[in-house]
Every structure is written in C-alpha cells, then in structure tokens.
Amino acid sequence: FMIKHIVLFQLAEVAEGKTKKENAQFIKTELEKLINVIPQLKKIEVGLNHPESPQNNYDIALYCEFNSLDDLNIYQEHPAHKEVSEYVGKIKTSRVAVDYEV
C-alpha cells in the first residue's frame, strides 16, 4: 500500500511583498527541496497552474507519495515542512487536500 497526498492552493495576488507568480515559484522551489530533507517523502511533484488556464483554477498543485499514513504525519510535523507551511499560510487564500491509499 501507499499513501498519496494531494493539495491545491490558491494564492493572493500580492502577499509578503511578492506577486502571485513570484510566490508560486518560491513555494514550488521550497517544497521540492523537501525530498532531500525528509526521508519519509518518497515522491513529490509541484505544478503551477498554466498561465492560459481559467483564472478560477487553483494556482499550485502538490502531489506526494508516502509508504504509510505514519510517514505522512512525520512529513507534516517535520520542521522543514512546517517552515514552508507557515509561509504558505501567509500567502494562500484557499487550500484543499485529499489523502488516499492505493
């Protein structure tokens, strides 16, 4: 079995002194670094919404894989993840997520 963790974020047009596009790229970079820091994280993909897609789409899609729900919880509580998460909390306007087992 494997746990898949999918999160979508909508971002403010401007937050923390950056544009939505700048914040999206910053978050993508910071999240992707976690693969080298958190051993329980088996795979991560961070996608930015295509500029020509509808404007009501979410701005960032996060896809992660873990061996277990326990590993997902370790990831969520890891200081490196919490640091990124705190920043996202300052710039997001909406978040939806789903965790499922395959």
Protein backbone atom coordinates (compact mmCIF):
# COMPACT_ATOMS: atom_id res chain seq x y z
CA PHE A 1 0.00 0.00 0.00
CA MET A 2 0.95 3.62 -0.49
CA ILE A 3 -0.49 6.95 0.64
CA LYS A 4 -0.96 9.68 -1.94
CA HIS A 5 -1.25 13.25 -0.64
CA ILE A 6 -2.68 15.89 -2.98
CA VAL A 7 -3.06 19.55 -2.05
CA LEU A 8 -4.25 22.51 -4.12
CA PHE A 9 -3.58 26.13 -3.15
CA GLN A 10 -4.99 29.43 -4.35
CA LEU A 11 -2.70 32.37 -3.68
CA ALA A 12 -3.30 36.05 -3.01
CA GLU A 13 -2.48 38.37 -5.92
CA VAL A 14 0.20 40.02 -3.76
CA ALA A 15 1.46 38.78 -0.37
CA GLU A 16 4.62 39.12 1.70
CA GLY A 17 5.94 41.67 -0.81
CA LYS A 18 5.76 39.27 -3.78
CA THR A 19 3.38 38.78 -6.70
CA LYS A 20 1.31 35.61 -7.01
CA LYS A 21 3.68 34.34 -9.71
CA GLU A 22 6.77 35.02 -7.56
CA ASN A 23 5.21 33.35 -4.52
CA ALA A 24 4.11 30.33 -6.57
CA GLN A 25 7.63 29.80 -7.90
CA PHE A 26 9.14 30.30 -4.43
CA ILE A 27 6.77 27.73 -2.88
CA LYS A 28 7.45 25.24 -5.71
CA THR A 29 11.21 25.53 -5.09
CA GLU A 30 10.89 25.25 -1.31
CA LEU A 31 8.54 22.26 -1.41
CA GLU A 32 10.69 20.39 -3.94
CA LYS A 33 13.72 20.75 -1.62
CA LEU A 34 11.91 18.64 1.00
CA ILE A 35 12.66 15.42 -0.95
CA ASN A 36 16.29 15.79 0.15
CA VAL A 37 15.42 16.57 3.78
CA ILE A 38 12.53 14.29 4.80
CA PRO A 39 13.31 10.59 4.23
CA GLN A 40 9.66 9.53 4.56
CA LEU A 41 8.79 11.58 1.46
CA LYS A 42 9.10 9.11 -1.44
CA LYS A 43 7.98 11.36 -4.30
CA ILE A 44 6.97 14.97 -4.73
CA GLU A 45 5.66 16.96 -7.68
CA VAL A 46 4.72 20.62 -7.54
CA GLY A 47 2.83 22.01 -10.51
CA LEU A 48 1.99 25.63 -11.20
CA ASN A 49 -1.27 26.37 -12.99
CA HIS A 50 -0.70 27.14 -16.67
CA PRO A 51 -0.92 30.90 -17.32
CA GLU A 52 -3.54 30.37 -20.03
CA SER A 53 -5.78 28.16 -17.86
CA PRO A 54 -9.00 29.59 -16.45
CA GLN A 55 -8.44 32.19 -13.76
CA ASN A 56 -10.66 30.42 -11.22
CA ASN A 57 -8.28 27.44 -11.16
CA TYR A 58 -6.06 26.79 -8.17
CA ASP A 59 -2.52 28.16 -8.52
CA ILE A 60 -0.39 25.29 -7.14
CA ALA A 61 -0.87 21.52 -7.13
CA LEU A 62 1.20 19.43 -4.71
CA TYR A 63 1.43 15.65 -5.17
CA CYS A 64 3.34 13.45 -2.70
CA GLU A 65 3.74 9.73 -2.07
CA PHE A 66 4.42 8.02 1.27
CA ASN A 67 4.70 4.40 2.37
CA SER A 68 2.18 4.91 5.20
CA LEU A 69 -0.08 7.39 6.94
CA ASP A 70 2.50 7.47 9.75
CA ASP A 71 5.13 8.64 7.24
CA LEU A 72 2.76 11.36 6.01
CA ASN A 73 2.28 12.51 9.59
CA ILE A 74 6.07 12.60 10.15
CA TYR A 75 6.39 14.73 6.99
CA GLN A 76 3.68 17.11 8.17
CA GLU A 77 5.35 17.57 11.56
CA HIS A 78 8.91 17.88 10.21
CA PRO A 79 10.43 21.33 10.94
CA ALA A 80 11.41 21.84 7.27
CA HIS A 81 7.82 21.20 6.15
CA LYS A 82 6.42 23.40 8.91
CA GLU A 83 8.66 26.26 7.76
CA VAL A 84 7.28 26.10 4.20
CA SER A 85 3.76 25.57 5.52
CA GLU A 86 3.95 28.69 7.68
CA TYR A 87 4.90 30.78 4.65
CA VAL A 88 2.12 29.24 2.56
CA GLY A 89 -0.29 30.15 5.36
CA LYS A 90 0.61 33.82 4.86
CA ILE A 91 0.07 33.85 1.08
CA LYS A 92 -2.77 31.39 0.39
CA THR A 93 -6.40 32.32 0.07
CA SER A 94 -7.65 28.73 -0.17
CA ARG A 95 -6.42 25.16 0.35
CA VAL A 96 -8.00 21.79 -0.36
CA ALA A 97 -6.41 18.39 0.21
CA VAL A 98 -7.03 14.67 -0.04
CA ASP A 99 -5.03 11.71 1.26
CA TYR A 100 -5.83 8.28 -0.13
CA GLU A 101 -4.44 4.77 -0.07
CA VAL A 102 -3.66 2.69 -3.15
